[in-house]
Amino acid sequence: MSISQSRRHLLSALPVLTPSASAPLAAGSLLGGFSSAHAQSSWPNKPVRLVIPFPAGGATDIIGRTLAARLSTSLGQQVIIENKPGAGGVIGADSIAKSAPDGYSIVLATGSTHSVGPALNPKLPYQADKDF
């Protein structure tokens, strides 16, 4: 399955997530993590890691866990949740920015990790517009 086919496959699963207005934003944020993946015929052939850059139990965590469950069902592969809180989401986002660009590590990006944070702090350890 090529990356564009993977995205179509993911997008077809997303409307069943939740009727809230934030679901498309969360889904779009996640799909950015797949953009640097290499084309593979059997993607995914191992578990996908979803980093949530905030503590367990919060709104971002709940959205991420709901999304992970649906992605796991849709992809036929386990999606492993990894909460990496701290620094307004920078720690979790940075861990994905520094991970291998193989499409198996994704981040639930938020405004604080990809728009407000970079605007307020140009010295972040990652470049939101280039590293994801």
N, C-alpha and C. Protein backbone atom coordinates (compact mmCIF):
# COMPACT_ATOMS: atom_id res chain seq x y z
N MET A 1 0.85 -1.17 0.00
CA MET A 1 0.00 0.00 0.00
C MET A 1 0.90 1.23 0.00
N SER A 2 0.70 2.11 -0.95
CA SER A 2 1.51 3.32 -1.00
C SER A 2 1.06 4.30 0.08
N ILE A 3 1.85 5.33 0.30
CA ILE A 3 1.51 6.31 1.33
C ILE A 3 0.20 7.00 0.98
N SER A 4 -0.02 7.37 -0.28
CA SER A 4 -1.27 8.04 -0.63
C SER A 4 -2.45 7.10 -0.41
N GLN A 5 -2.28 5.81 -0.67
CA GLN A 5 -3.34 4.85 -0.38
C GLN A 5 -3.54 4.72 1.12
N SER A 6 -2.46 4.78 1.89
CA SER A 6 -2.57 4.72 3.34
C SER A 6 -3.36 5.90 3.87
N ARG A 7 -3.09 7.08 3.33
CA ARG A 7 -3.83 8.27 3.76
C ARG A 7 -5.31 8.14 3.43
N ARG A 8 -5.60 7.66 2.22
CA ARG A 8 -7.02 7.48 1.86
C ARG A 8 -7.67 6.48 2.81
N HIS A 9 -6.95 5.42 3.13
CA HIS A 9 -7.47 4.41 4.04
C HIS A 9 -7.74 5.02 5.42
N LEU A 10 -6.81 5.83 5.91
CA LEU A 10 -6.99 6.50 7.20
C LEU A 10 -8.16 7.47 7.15
N LEU A 11 -8.23 8.25 6.09
CA LEU A 11 -9.30 9.24 5.98
C LEU A 11 -10.67 8.59 5.92
N SER A 12 -10.77 7.42 5.30
CA SER A 12 -12.06 6.74 5.24
C SER A 12 -12.51 6.28 6.62
N ALA A 13 -11.59 6.07 7.54
CA ALA A 13 -11.93 5.63 8.89
C ALA A 13 -12.26 6.79 9.82
N LEU A 14 -11.84 7.98 9.49
CA LEU A 14 -11.95 9.10 10.41
C LEU A 14 -13.37 9.62 10.65
N PRO A 15 -14.29 9.62 9.69
CA PRO A 15 -15.62 10.18 9.97
C PRO A 15 -16.36 9.47 11.10
N VAL A 16 -16.00 8.25 11.44
CA VAL A 16 -16.69 7.53 12.50
C VAL A 16 -16.12 7.82 13.88
N LEU A 17 -15.12 8.66 13.96
CA LEU A 17 -14.47 8.91 15.24
C LEU A 17 -15.38 9.62 16.23
N THR A 18 -15.79 10.80 15.90
CA THR A 18 -16.59 11.60 16.80
C THR A 18 -17.22 12.73 16.00
N PRO A 19 -18.40 13.16 16.37
CA PRO A 19 -19.03 14.23 15.62
C PRO A 19 -18.52 15.62 15.99
N SER A 20 -17.59 15.70 16.90
CA SER A 20 -17.13 17.02 17.35
C SER A 20 -16.35 17.74 16.26
N ALA A 21 -16.28 19.03 16.39
CA ALA A 21 -15.57 19.85 15.41
C ALA A 21 -14.07 19.67 15.51
N SER A 22 -13.57 19.16 16.62
CA SER A 22 -12.12 19.02 16.78
C SER A 22 -11.57 17.76 16.12
N ALA A 23 -12.41 16.83 15.76
CA ALA A 23 -11.93 15.59 15.15
C ALA A 23 -11.18 15.81 13.84
N PRO A 24 -11.70 16.64 12.92
CA PRO A 24 -10.92 16.85 11.69
C PRO A 24 -9.55 17.47 11.95
N LEU A 25 -9.48 18.37 12.92
CA LEU A 25 -8.20 18.99 13.25
C LEU A 25 -7.22 17.95 13.79
N ALA A 26 -7.70 17.11 14.69
CA ALA A 26 -6.84 16.07 15.26
C ALA A 26 -6.40 15.09 14.18
N ALA A 27 -7.32 14.72 13.31
CA ALA A 27 -6.99 13.79 12.24
C ALA A 27 -5.96 14.39 11.29
N GLY A 28 -6.13 15.64 10.95
CA GLY A 28 -5.18 16.31 10.06
C GLY A 28 -3.81 16.40 10.69
N SER A 29 -3.78 16.63 11.99
CA SER A 29 -2.51 16.71 12.70
C SER A 29 -1.79 15.37 12.65
N LEU A 30 -2.54 14.31 12.82
CA LEU A 30 -1.92 12.99 12.79
C LEU A 30 -1.40 12.62 11.42
N LEU A 31 -2.15 12.97 10.39
CA LEU A 31 -1.73 12.58 9.05
C LEU A 31 -0.41 13.20 8.66
N GLY A 32 -0.07 14.33 9.24
CA GLY A 32 1.22 14.95 8.96
C GLY A 32 2.37 14.05 9.33
N GLY A 33 2.18 13.20 10.32
CA GLY A 33 3.23 12.28 10.74
C GLY A 33 3.54 11.21 9.71
N PHE A 34 2.62 10.96 8.80
CA PHE A 34 2.84 9.94 7.79
C PHE A 34 3.50 10.48 6.54
N SER A 35 3.66 11.79 6.43
CA SER A 35 4.14 12.38 5.19
C SER A 35 5.57 11.99 4.84
N SER A 36 6.39 11.70 5.81
CA SER A 36 7.78 11.38 5.51
C SER A 36 8.04 9.87 5.46
N ALA A 37 6.99 9.08 5.47
CA ALA A 37 7.17 7.63 5.44
C ALA A 37 7.61 7.16 4.06
N HIS A 38 8.37 6.09 4.05
CA HIS A 38 8.82 5.50 2.80
C HIS A 38 7.71 4.63 2.24
N ALA A 39 7.61 4.57 0.93
CA ALA A 39 6.60 3.73 0.30
C ALA A 39 6.91 2.27 0.58
N GLN A 40 5.94 1.57 1.11
CA GLN A 40 6.09 0.16 1.42
C GLN A 40 4.84 -0.56 0.95
N SER A 41 5.00 -1.76 0.47
CA SER A 41 3.86 -2.48 -0.06
C SER A 41 2.93 -2.99 1.03
N SER A 42 3.41 -3.23 2.22
CA SER A 42 2.58 -3.81 3.26
C SER A 42 2.50 -2.93 4.51
N TRP A 43 2.51 -1.63 4.33
CA TRP A 43 2.44 -0.73 5.47
C TRP A 43 1.05 -0.78 6.06
N PRO A 44 0.88 -0.83 7.34
CA PRO A 44 1.89 -1.05 8.37
C PRO A 44 2.10 -2.53 8.62
N ASN A 45 3.32 -2.92 8.78
CA ASN A 45 3.62 -4.32 9.07
C ASN A 45 4.20 -4.50 10.47
N LYS A 46 4.10 -3.46 11.28
CA LYS A 46 4.48 -3.54 12.69
C LYS A 46 3.66 -2.48 13.43
N PRO A 47 3.61 -2.52 14.76
CA PRO A 47 2.81 -1.55 15.50
C PRO A 47 3.23 -0.10 15.22
N VAL A 48 2.24 0.78 15.24
CA VAL A 48 2.45 2.21 15.05
C VAL A 48 2.47 2.86 16.43
N ARG A 49 3.40 3.76 16.65
CA ARG A 49 3.53 4.46 17.94
C ARG A 49 2.90 5.84 17.81
N LEU A 50 1.93 6.12 18.69
CA LEU A 50 1.28 7.43 18.73
C LEU A 50 1.72 8.13 20.01
N VAL A 51 2.48 9.21 19.86
CA VAL A 51 2.90 9.99 21.02
C VAL A 51 1.88 11.09 21.26
N ILE A 52 1.38 11.13 22.47
CA ILE A 52 0.48 12.19 22.91
C ILE A 52 1.31 13.06 23.84
N PRO A 53 1.58 14.31 23.44
CA PRO A 53 2.52 15.14 24.21
C PRO A 53 1.92 15.81 25.44
N PHE A 54 0.94 15.16 26.04
CA PHE A 54 0.28 15.69 27.24
C PHE A 54 -0.02 14.53 28.18
N PRO A 55 -0.32 14.81 29.46
CA PRO A 55 -0.55 13.73 30.42
C PRO A 55 -1.80 12.91 30.12
N ALA A 56 -1.80 11.69 30.62
CA ALA A 56 -2.96 10.82 30.49
C ALA A 56 -4.15 11.41 31.23
N GLY A 57 -5.33 11.23 30.66
CA GLY A 57 -6.56 11.66 31.32
C GLY A 57 -7.11 12.99 30.85
N GLY A 58 -6.33 13.77 30.14
CA GLY A 58 -6.80 15.07 29.65
C GLY A 58 -7.54 14.93 28.33
N ALA A 59 -8.04 16.04 27.82
CA ALA A 59 -8.81 16.03 26.58
C ALA A 59 -7.98 15.52 25.40
N THR A 60 -6.74 15.94 25.30
CA THR A 60 -5.89 15.49 24.19
C THR A 60 -5.65 13.99 24.27
N ASP A 61 -5.48 13.47 25.46
CA ASP A 61 -5.29 12.03 25.66
C ASP A 61 -6.55 11.26 25.25
N ILE A 62 -7.70 11.76 25.62
CA ILE A 62 -8.96 11.08 25.28
C ILE A 62 -9.15 11.05 23.76
N ILE A 63 -8.90 12.18 23.10
CA ILE A 63 -8.99 12.22 21.64
C ILE A 63 -7.99 11.25 21.02
N GLY A 64 -6.77 11.25 21.52
CA GLY A 64 -5.74 10.36 20.99
C GLY A 64 -6.08 8.89 21.17
N ARG A 65 -6.61 8.52 22.31
CA ARG A 65 -6.96 7.12 22.55
C ARG A 65 -8.13 6.68 21.68
N THR A 66 -9.09 7.58 21.49
CA THR A 66 -10.22 7.27 20.59
C THR A 66 -9.71 7.09 19.17
N LEU A 67 -8.87 7.99 18.74
CA LEU A 67 -8.30 7.92 17.40
C LEU A 67 -7.44 6.66 17.24
N ALA A 68 -6.65 6.33 18.24
CA ALA A 68 -5.79 5.14 18.17
C ALA A 68 -6.61 3.86 18.04
N ALA A 69 -7.71 3.79 18.77
CA ALA A 69 -8.57 2.60 18.68
C ALA A 69 -9.14 2.44 17.28
N ARG A 70 -9.59 3.54 16.70
CA ARG A 70 -10.15 3.49 15.34
C ARG A 70 -9.06 3.20 14.30
N LEU A 71 -7.91 3.80 14.47
CA LEU A 71 -6.81 3.54 13.54
C LEU A 71 -6.38 2.08 13.60
N SER A 72 -6.31 1.54 14.81
CA SER A 72 -5.90 0.16 14.99
C SER A 72 -6.86 -0.78 14.27
N THR A 73 -8.15 -0.52 14.40
CA THR A 73 -9.15 -1.33 13.72
C THR A 73 -9.04 -1.17 12.21
N SER A 74 -8.91 0.05 11.77
CA SER A 74 -8.85 0.34 10.34
C SER A 74 -7.59 -0.21 9.68
N LEU A 75 -6.46 -0.08 10.35
CA LEU A 75 -5.19 -0.52 9.77
C LEU A 75 -4.92 -2.00 9.97
N GLY A 76 -5.61 -2.61 10.93
CA GLY A 76 -5.33 -4.00 11.24
C GLY A 76 -3.99 -4.18 11.93
N GLN A 77 -3.54 -3.15 12.58
CA GLN A 77 -2.25 -3.16 13.27
C GLN A 77 -2.40 -2.41 14.59
N GLN A 78 -1.69 -2.82 15.60
CA GLN A 78 -1.76 -2.19 16.90
C GLN A 78 -1.20 -0.77 16.85
N VAL A 79 -1.90 0.17 17.52
CA VAL A 79 -1.41 1.53 17.68
C VAL A 79 -1.10 1.71 19.16
N ILE A 80 0.16 1.91 19.48
CA ILE A 80 0.61 2.00 20.87
C ILE A 80 0.64 3.46 21.29
N ILE A 81 -0.05 3.76 22.39
CA ILE A 81 -0.10 5.12 22.94
C ILE A 81 1.10 5.33 23.85
N GLU A 82 1.76 6.46 23.68
CA GLU A 82 2.87 6.82 24.56
C GLU A 82 2.68 8.28 24.97
N ASN A 83 2.32 8.50 26.23
CA ASN A 83 2.18 9.87 26.73
C ASN A 83 3.56 10.41 27.10
N LYS A 84 3.91 11.58 26.55
CA LYS A 84 5.18 12.25 26.87
C LYS A 84 4.87 13.69 27.20
N PRO A 85 4.38 13.94 28.42
CA PRO A 85 4.02 15.32 28.78
C PRO A 85 5.23 16.16 29.13
N GLY A 86 5.03 17.45 29.08
CA GLY A 86 6.05 18.39 29.53
C GLY A 86 6.33 19.48 28.52
N ALA A 87 6.63 20.66 29.05
CA ALA A 87 7.02 21.82 28.25
C ALA A 87 5.96 22.20 27.23
N GLY A 88 4.69 22.08 27.60
CA GLY A 88 3.62 22.47 26.69
C GLY A 88 3.53 21.61 25.45
N GLY A 89 3.96 20.36 25.54
CA GLY A 89 3.91 19.45 24.41
C GLY A 89 5.21 19.35 23.63
N VAL A 90 6.18 20.18 23.96
CA VAL A 90 7.45 20.21 23.21
C VAL A 90 8.22 18.90 23.36
N ILE A 91 8.23 18.30 24.53
CA ILE A 91 8.99 17.07 24.75
C ILE A 91 8.48 15.94 23.86
N GLY A 92 7.17 15.76 23.83
CA GLY A 92 6.59 14.72 22.98
C GLY A 92 6.79 14.98 21.50
N ALA A 93 6.55 16.23 21.08
CA ALA A 93 6.73 16.58 19.67
C ALA A 93 8.18 16.41 19.24
N ASP A 94 9.10 16.80 20.10
CA ASP A 94 10.52 16.67 19.78
C ASP A 94 10.93 15.21 19.64
N SER A 95 10.34 14.33 20.46
CA SER A 95 10.69 12.91 20.35
C SER A 95 10.31 12.35 18.98
N ILE A 96 9.22 12.83 18.41
CA ILE A 96 8.82 12.37 17.08
C ILE A 96 9.67 13.04 16.00
N ALA A 97 9.98 14.31 16.19
CA ALA A 97 10.83 15.01 15.22
C ALA A 97 12.19 14.32 15.08
N LYS A 98 12.67 13.72 16.16
CA LYS A 98 13.98 13.06 16.15
C LYS A 98 13.90 11.56 15.87
N SER A 99 12.70 11.04 15.69
CA SER A 99 12.56 9.60 15.43
C SER A 99 12.78 9.32 13.94
N ALA A 100 12.96 8.06 13.63
CA ALA A 100 13.18 7.65 12.24
C ALA A 100 11.96 8.02 11.39
N PRO A 101 12.15 8.58 10.21
CA PRO A 101 11.03 8.98 9.35
C PRO A 101 10.46 7.79 8.57
N ASP A 102 9.99 6.77 9.30
CA ASP A 102 9.52 5.55 8.67
C ASP A 102 8.00 5.41 8.66
N GLY A 103 7.28 6.37 9.22
CA GLY A 103 5.83 6.31 9.23
C GLY A 103 5.25 5.52 10.38
N TYR A 104 6.08 5.02 11.27
CA TYR A 104 5.60 4.23 12.40
C TYR A 104 5.58 5.01 13.70
N SER A 105 6.00 6.24 13.69
CA SER A 105 5.95 7.11 14.87
C SER A 105 5.21 8.37 14.49
N ILE A 106 4.10 8.62 15.17
CA ILE A 106 3.29 9.80 14.87
C ILE A 106 2.99 10.56 16.16
N VAL A 107 2.63 11.81 16.03
CA VAL A 107 2.33 12.64 17.19
C VAL A 107 0.95 13.25 17.02
N LEU A 108 0.24 13.37 18.11
CA LEU A 108 -1.03 14.08 18.10
C LEU A 108 -0.68 15.55 18.31
N ALA A 109 -0.47 16.25 17.21
CA ALA A 109 -0.04 17.64 17.26
C ALA A 109 -1.19 18.55 17.70
N THR A 110 -0.84 19.61 18.38
CA THR A 110 -1.82 20.59 18.83
C THR A 110 -1.32 21.99 18.47
N GLY A 111 -2.14 22.97 18.75
CA GLY A 111 -1.74 24.34 18.50
C GLY A 111 -0.50 24.73 19.28
N SER A 112 -0.39 24.20 20.50
CA SER A 112 0.78 24.57 21.32
C SER A 112 2.07 23.96 20.79
N THR A 113 1.99 22.83 20.11
CA THR A 113 3.21 22.20 19.60
C THR A 113 3.58 22.65 18.20
N HIS A 114 2.60 23.11 17.42
CA HIS A 114 2.87 23.39 16.02
C HIS A 114 2.52 24.79 15.53
N SER A 115 1.91 25.62 16.34
CA SER A 115 1.64 26.99 15.87
C SER A 115 2.00 28.02 16.94
N VAL A 116 1.37 27.96 18.09
CA VAL A 116 1.62 28.94 19.14
C VAL A 116 3.04 28.80 19.69
N GLY A 117 3.44 27.57 20.00
CA GLY A 117 4.78 27.34 20.54
C GLY A 117 5.89 27.87 19.64
N PRO A 118 5.90 27.48 18.36
CA PRO A 118 6.93 28.00 17.47
C PRO A 118 6.87 29.52 17.28
N ALA A 119 5.68 30.09 17.33
CA ALA A 119 5.56 31.54 17.17
C ALA A 119 6.13 32.28 18.38
N LEU A 120 5.92 31.71 19.57
CA LEU A 120 6.40 32.35 20.79
C LEU A 120 7.86 32.03 21.10
N ASN A 121 8.31 30.88 20.65
CA ASN A 121 9.68 30.45 20.97
C ASN A 121 10.36 29.93 19.70
N PRO A 122 11.06 30.78 18.99
CA PRO A 122 11.73 30.32 17.76
C PRO A 122 12.91 29.38 18.01
N LYS A 123 13.27 29.15 19.26
CA LYS A 123 14.41 28.28 19.58
C LYS A 123 13.96 26.89 20.05
N LEU A 124 12.80 26.44 19.60
CA LEU A 124 12.36 25.09 19.93
C LEU A 124 13.35 24.08 19.34
N PRO A 125 13.42 22.87 19.91
CA PRO A 125 14.37 21.88 19.40
C PRO A 125 13.95 21.26 18.06
N TYR A 126 12.82 21.67 17.53
CA TYR A 126 12.35 21.17 16.23
C TYR A 126 11.76 22.33 15.44
N GLN A 127 11.64 22.13 14.13
CA GLN A 127 10.99 23.10 13.26
C GLN A 127 9.66 22.50 12.83
N ALA A 128 8.57 23.06 13.34
CA ALA A 128 7.25 22.49 13.10
C ALA A 128 6.90 22.38 11.62
N ASP A 129 7.40 23.29 10.82
CA ASP A 129 7.07 23.26 9.39
C ASP A 129 7.98 22.35 8.57
N LYS A 130 9.03 21.81 9.14
CA LYS A 130 9.98 20.99 8.37
C LYS A 130 10.22 19.60 8.93
N ASP A 131 10.09 19.42 10.23
CA ASP A 131 10.48 18.16 10.85
C ASP A 131 9.37 17.12 10.93
N PHE A 132 8.17 17.46 10.49
CA PHE A 132 7.06 16.50 10.62
C PHE A 132 6.48 16.15 9.27
